[in-house]
Amino acid sequence: MFAKLCGVDLRPAKFPDLSIAQTSVARISAIVVRHDRGGTLAYHLLTDSASAEYLWDCLLDAMAEFEGRPVGLTAVRALGGD
């Protein structure tokens, strides 16, 4: 999904856990941090809060193409990690 939105190769073999990259995501400057939760691949996106609604819409659109969907905080916490 990120390949549609970001020029940095975020595949697990190229971007290991706890890697950090400053890049553009959906044409917005962002910092991407890979921070897996238990055995589940996970990323943090840090960007300007003024662009949050636009970026969220872009992420939802990209997720839908791959049958992905957002999950709630309870589901994220159930994955474990830290």
Protein backbone atom coordinates (compact mmCIF):
# COMPACT_ATOMS: atom_id res chain seq x y z
CA MET A 1 0.00 0.00 0.00
CA PHE A 2 2.78 2.45 0.89
CA ALA A 3 4.35 1.98 -2.56
CA LYS A 4 1.37 3.95 -3.93
CA LEU A 5 2.00 6.86 -1.57
CA CYS A 6 5.71 6.96 -0.78
CA GLY A 7 8.97 6.83 -2.72
CA VAL A 8 10.87 5.04 0.08
CA ASP A 9 10.86 1.24 -0.09
CA LEU A 10 9.10 0.30 3.15
CA ARG A 11 8.99 -3.44 2.51
CA PRO A 12 10.15 -5.45 5.55
CA ALA A 13 13.32 -6.74 3.83
CA LYS A 14 14.43 -3.18 2.96
CA PHE A 15 13.09 -1.22 5.95
CA PRO A 16 13.63 -3.27 9.14
CA ASP A 17 11.86 -2.77 12.44
CA LEU A 18 12.74 0.53 14.18
CA SER A 19 13.93 2.15 10.93
CA ILE A 20 13.17 5.83 10.40
CA ALA A 21 12.85 7.77 7.13
CA GLN A 22 12.02 11.38 6.32
CA THR A 23 10.11 11.37 3.05
CA SER A 24 6.95 12.43 1.28
CA VAL A 25 3.75 10.47 1.85
CA ALA A 26 0.87 11.42 -0.45
CA ARG A 27 2.82 14.59 -1.31
CA ILE A 28 3.09 15.61 2.36
CA SER A 29 6.39 15.79 4.20
CA ALA A 30 6.44 13.04 6.80
CA ILE A 31 8.60 10.93 9.05
CA VAL A 32 7.89 7.21 8.81
CA VAL A 33 8.90 4.96 11.69
CA ARG A 34 8.56 1.19 11.47
CA HIS A 35 7.58 -0.06 14.90
CA ASP A 36 6.17 -3.58 14.77
CA ARG A 37 3.54 -4.60 17.30
CA GLY A 38 4.26 -8.14 18.43
CA GLY A 39 4.60 -10.05 15.16
CA THR A 40 2.55 -7.54 13.15
CA LEU A 41 4.17 -5.06 10.77
CA ALA A 42 3.35 -1.51 11.93
CA TYR A 43 4.34 2.05 11.06
CA HIS A 44 4.01 5.46 12.69
CA LEU A 45 3.45 8.44 10.38
CA LEU A 46 4.50 11.79 11.78
CA THR A 47 3.39 14.83 9.83
CA ASP A 48 1.87 18.28 10.11
CA SER A 49 -1.48 18.12 11.92
CA ALA A 50 -2.98 20.62 9.46
CA SER A 51 -2.74 17.91 6.78
CA ALA A 52 -4.27 15.12 8.88
CA GLU A 53 -7.66 15.00 7.16
CA TYR A 54 -6.15 14.98 3.67
CA LEU A 55 -3.60 12.29 4.61
CA TRP A 56 -6.25 10.15 6.30
CA ASP A 57 -8.39 10.26 3.14
CA CYS A 58 -5.35 9.24 1.04
CA LEU A 59 -4.58 6.34 3.40
CA LEU A 60 -8.20 5.14 3.37
CA ASP A 61 -8.23 5.22 -0.44
CA ALA A 62 -4.96 3.28 -0.69
CA MET A 63 -6.09 0.75 1.94
CA ALA A 64 -9.38 0.11 0.15
CA GLU A 65 -7.56 -0.94 -3.01
CA PHE A 66 -5.90 -3.76 -1.05
CA GLU A 67 -9.00 -4.61 1.03
CA GLY A 68 -7.46 -2.98 4.09
CA ARG A 69 -9.35 -1.00 6.67
CA PRO A 70 -8.63 1.01 9.80
CA VAL A 71 -8.81 -0.66 13.21
CA GLY A 72 -9.49 0.78 16.63
CA LEU A 73 -7.09 1.36 19.50
CA THR A 74 -8.32 -1.78 21.27
CA ALA A 75 -7.27 -3.92 18.30
CA VAL A 76 -3.85 -2.24 18.15
CA ARG A 77 -3.28 -2.79 21.87
CA ALA A 78 -4.26 -6.46 21.50
CA LEU A 79 -1.31 -6.95 19.12
CA GLY A 80 1.13 -6.48 21.99
CA GLY A 81 4.48 -4.89 21.47
CA ASP A 82 5.22 -2.25 24.05
